[in-house]
């Protein structure tokens, strides 16, 4: 387990460059499969606010985990015991008082807050830039928001005028907030959330809910 905010940031490598040509080819194909299965999880372990809740459990690849589908009862019991011990370490970390260790529950929540607000600031700035500078020939977003029910595009129409008004006002409020955060004139814009934010910086991505 990482024992400080900057701990556990090193890359995890899947090496396959030893042995004969056939062995290297087999190792290369295994590395591709490993990447397909674990790339997202491995990437997230580099982020503060994620890696402090990760416990690495070493396995004997010849008899444990992976494609070892016929593990004996003693091997399964050993894996289960290691999992229980890992869970106990996480419980101990996040239930201890904040003043007793660096990676406490409060620290975890604080790191996630700092990362989230830095991302939100960047998202609002990008949104403000896109709204203020439509591509030549594009309709402005405010026109799309305020269009009548018969105007194209007709997909995903507003439920009623109340929803349309809500969208109009809320979008304006978000843009105003982005302006205040970015113009350096407002009292709340004397600094930026990105200054001193946790590194490496995460990304906001839209993915289908599973």
Protein backbone atom coordinates (compact mmCIF):
# COMPACT_ATOMS: atom_id res chain seq x y z
CA UNK A 1 0.00 0.00 0.00
CA UNK A 2 1.07 3.56 -0.62
CA UNK A 3 2.01 5.26 2.66
CA UNK A 4 1.94 8.89 1.49
CA UNK A 5 0.20 11.03 -1.12
CA UNK A 6 3.01 10.70 -3.66
CA UNK A 7 3.57 7.01 -2.99
CA UNK A 8 2.65 4.21 -5.38
CA UNK A 9 3.07 6.33 -8.51
CA UNK A 10 5.59 4.09 -10.30
CA UNK A 11 4.56 2.28 -13.47
CA UNK A 12 3.66 -1.41 -13.42
CA UNK A 13 5.31 -3.24 -16.28
CA UNK A 14 4.45 -6.52 -17.99
CA UNK A 15 7.79 -7.77 -19.29
CA UNK A 16 8.15 -10.40 -22.00
CA UNK A 17 11.60 -9.82 -23.51
CA UNK A 18 13.33 -12.99 -22.33
CA UNK A 19 13.60 -16.56 -23.62
CA UNK A 20 13.38 -17.90 -27.15
CA UNK A 21 11.51 -16.32 -30.06
CA UNK A 22 8.43 -18.43 -29.39
CA UNK A 23 8.49 -17.49 -25.71
CA UNK A 24 8.80 -13.80 -26.53
CA UNK A 25 5.85 -14.04 -28.93
CA UNK A 26 3.77 -15.82 -26.32
CA UNK A 27 4.77 -13.22 -23.73
CA UNK A 28 3.86 -10.41 -26.13
CA UNK A 29 0.40 -11.86 -26.71
CA UNK A 30 -0.06 -12.34 -22.96
CA UNK A 31 0.92 -8.71 -22.38
CA UNK A 32 -1.73 -7.60 -24.90
CA UNK A 33 -4.38 -9.61 -23.03
CA UNK A 34 -3.16 -8.22 -19.71
CA UNK A 35 -3.41 -4.68 -21.09
CA UNK A 36 -6.95 -5.30 -22.35
CA UNK A 37 -8.01 -6.57 -18.95
CA UNK A 38 -6.19 -4.22 -16.60
CA UNK A 39 -5.16 -1.02 -18.42
CA UNK A 40 -7.91 1.18 -16.96
CA UNK A 41 -7.40 -0.10 -13.43
CA UNK A 42 -3.63 0.26 -13.67
CA UNK A 43 -3.96 3.80 -15.02
CA UNK A 44 -6.24 4.81 -12.16
CA UNK A 45 -3.78 3.55 -9.58
CA UNK A 46 -1.50 6.47 -10.55
CA UNK A 47 -4.08 9.00 -9.36
CA UNK A 48 -4.15 10.44 -5.87
CA UNK A 49 -7.51 9.69 -4.33
CA UNK A 50 -7.46 6.24 -5.96
CA UNK A 51 -4.13 4.65 -5.20
CA UNK A 52 -4.49 5.23 -1.45
CA UNK A 53 -7.30 2.67 -1.45
CA UNK A 54 -5.39 0.02 -3.38
CA UNK A 55 -3.63 -2.93 -1.80
CA UNK A 56 -1.33 -4.97 -4.01
CA UNK A 57 -1.45 -8.71 -3.35
CA UNK A 58 1.32 -10.73 -4.97
CA UNK A 59 0.34 -14.00 -6.66
CA UNK A 60 2.25 -17.05 -7.79
CA UNK A 61 1.31 -16.94 -11.47
CA UNK A 62 1.94 -20.68 -11.85
CA UNK A 63 -0.75 -21.73 -9.38
CA UNK A 64 -2.73 -18.65 -8.30
CA UNK A 65 -5.24 -16.40 -10.02
CA UNK A 66 -5.34 -15.56 -13.72
CA UNK A 67 -6.04 -18.61 -15.86
CA UNK A 68 -5.39 -21.05 -13.03
CA UNK A 69 -9.01 -22.19 -12.99
CA UNK A 70 -8.38 -25.43 -11.13
CA UNK A 71 -6.87 -24.06 -7.95
CA UNK A 72 -6.86 -26.44 -5.03
CA UNK A 73 -8.87 -25.67 -1.89
CA UNK A 74 -5.71 -24.75 0.10
CA UNK A 75 -4.66 -22.28 -2.61
CA UNK A 76 -8.13 -20.73 -2.67
CA UNK A 77 -8.11 -20.44 1.13
CA UNK A 78 -4.70 -18.77 1.01
CA UNK A 79 -5.95 -16.22 -1.54
CA UNK A 80 -9.06 -15.59 0.54
CA UNK A 81 -6.98 -14.98 3.66
CA UNK A 82 -4.76 -12.49 1.85
CA UNK A 83 -7.86 -10.68 0.60
CA UNK A 84 -9.23 -10.48 4.12
CA UNK A 85 -5.95 -9.07 5.40
CA UNK A 86 -5.92 -6.48 2.61
CA UNK A 87 -9.47 -5.44 3.52
CA UNK A 88 -8.46 -5.15 7.16
CA UNK A 89 -5.60 -2.82 6.18
CA UNK A 90 -8.02 -0.56 4.30
CA UNK A 91 -10.47 -0.52 7.19
CA UNK A 92 -7.64 0.32 9.59
CA UNK A 93 -6.42 3.13 7.33
CA UNK A 94 -9.77 4.82 6.83
CA UNK A 95 -11.16 4.45 10.34
CA UNK A 96 -8.13 5.74 12.23
CA UNK A 97 -8.28 9.37 13.43
CA UNK A 98 -7.00 11.85 10.84
CA UNK A 99 -4.21 13.07 13.11
CA UNK A 100 -2.70 9.59 13.41
CA UNK A 101 -1.70 9.01 9.78
CA UNK A 102 -1.22 10.90 6.52
CA UNK A 103 -3.51 8.80 4.32
CA UNK A 104 -6.63 9.14 6.44
CA UNK A 105 -10.26 9.20 5.31
CA UNK A 106 -10.30 13.00 5.59
CA UNK A 107 -7.15 13.18 3.45
CA UNK A 108 -8.77 10.89 0.89
CA UNK A 109 -11.89 13.07 0.70
CA UNK A 110 -9.80 16.25 0.53
CA UNK A 111 -7.66 14.93 -2.34
CA UNK A 112 -10.78 13.92 -4.29
CA UNK A 113 -12.27 17.37 -3.69
CA UNK A 114 -9.14 19.14 -4.95
CA UNK A 115 -9.01 16.98 -8.06
CA UNK A 116 -12.72 17.35 -8.77
CA UNK A 117 -12.76 21.14 -8.43
CA UNK A 118 -9.71 21.51 -10.69
CA UNK A 119 -11.47 19.37 -13.30
CA UNK A 120 -14.69 21.35 -12.91
CA UNK A 121 -12.82 24.62 -13.43
CA UNK A 122 -11.24 23.35 -16.64
CA UNK A 123 -14.58 21.97 -17.86
CA UNK A 124 -16.33 25.31 -17.29
CA UNK A 125 -13.58 27.19 -19.11
CA UNK A 126 -13.78 24.81 -22.07
CA UNK A 127 -17.56 25.09 -22.09
CA UNK A 128 -17.41 28.89 -21.98
CA UNK A 129 -14.92 28.94 -24.86
CA UNK A 130 -17.09 26.64 -27.00
CA UNK A 131 -20.26 28.64 -26.31
CA UNK A 132 -18.62 31.99 -27.04
CA UNK A 133 -16.86 30.86 -30.22
CA UNK A 134 -19.10 28.67 -32.40
CA UNK A 135 -17.61 27.38 -35.62
CA UNK A 136 -18.54 29.31 -38.78
CA UNK A 137 -22.05 28.34 -39.81
CA UNK A 138 -22.90 26.74 -36.43
CA UNK A 139 -25.93 27.95 -34.51
CA UNK A 140 -25.19 29.36 -31.10
CA UNK A 141 -26.04 27.13 -28.16
CA UNK A 142 -28.44 29.73 -26.79
CA UNK A 143 -30.39 29.47 -30.05
CA UNK A 144 -30.57 25.70 -29.72
CA UNK A 145 -31.73 25.99 -26.12
CA UNK A 146 -34.45 28.51 -26.94
CA UNK A 147 -35.70 27.01 -30.22
CA UNK A 148 -39.38 26.18 -30.60
CA UNK A 149 -40.63 22.57 -30.45
CA UNK A 150 -41.03 22.48 -34.23
CA UNK A 151 -37.54 23.72 -35.07
CA UNK A 152 -34.80 21.28 -35.99
CA UNK A 153 -33.17 19.35 -34.48
CA UNK A 154 -36.29 17.70 -33.05
CA UNK A 155 -34.53 14.98 -31.02
CA UNK A 156 -34.48 15.05 -27.21
CA UNK A 157 -36.93 17.92 -27.01
CA UNK A 158 -37.59 19.74 -23.77
CA UNK A 159 -40.35 18.16 -21.72
CA UNK A 160 -42.12 21.51 -21.40
CA UNK A 161 -41.47 25.23 -21.14
CA UNK A 162 -40.42 24.89 -17.48
CA UNK A 163 -37.58 22.55 -18.41
CA UNK A 164 -36.53 24.87 -21.23
CA UNK A 165 -36.49 27.87 -18.89
CA UNK A 166 -34.52 25.87 -16.33
CA UNK A 167 -31.94 24.93 -18.99
CA UNK A 168 -31.70 28.51 -20.24
CA UNK A 169 -31.17 29.98 -16.78
CA UNK A 170 -28.86 27.24 -15.52
CA UNK A 171 -26.63 27.40 -18.59
CA UNK A 172 -26.36 31.15 -18.15
CA UNK A 173 -25.42 30.70 -14.50
CA UNK A 174 -22.71 28.19 -15.40
CA UNK A 175 -21.27 30.51 -18.02
CA UNK A 176 -21.33 33.39 -15.57
CA UNK A 177 -19.49 31.25 -13.03
CA UNK A 178 -16.90 30.34 -15.66
CA UNK A 179 -16.47 34.04 -16.46
CA UNK A 180 -15.96 34.90 -12.80
CA UNK A 181 -13.45 32.13 -12.33
CA UNK A 182 -11.52 33.08 -15.45
CA UNK A 183 -11.48 36.86 -15.72
CA UNK A 184 -9.32 37.48 -12.65
CA UNK A 185 -11.55 40.41 -11.60
CA UNK A 186 -13.98 38.70 -9.26
CA UNK A 187 -13.03 38.23 -5.63
CA UNK A 188 -13.40 34.47 -6.06
CA UNK A 189 -11.10 34.45 -9.08
CA UNK A 190 -7.92 35.62 -7.40
CA UNK A 191 -6.54 32.07 -7.72
CA UNK A 192 -7.24 28.82 -9.51
CA UNK A 193 -8.23 25.37 -8.30
CA UNK A 194 -5.53 23.93 -10.54
CA UNK A 195 -2.76 25.59 -8.53
CA UNK A 196 -1.30 22.95 -6.26
CA UNK A 197 -3.91 20.37 -7.31
CA UNK A 198 -3.00 16.67 -7.03
CA UNK A 199 -0.82 15.24 -9.78
CA UNK A 200 -1.06 13.48 -12.14
CA UNK A 201 -4.22 15.27 -13.14
CA UNK A 202 -7.24 13.07 -13.90
CA UNK A 203 -9.61 13.47 -16.84
CA UNK A 204 -13.37 13.79 -17.09
CA UNK A 205 -14.71 11.25 -19.56
CA UNK A 206 -18.21 10.40 -20.71
CA UNK A 207 -18.80 6.66 -20.65
CA UNK A 208 -21.93 4.55 -20.82
CA UNK A 209 -23.25 3.50 -17.45
CA UNK A 210 -22.77 -0.21 -16.87
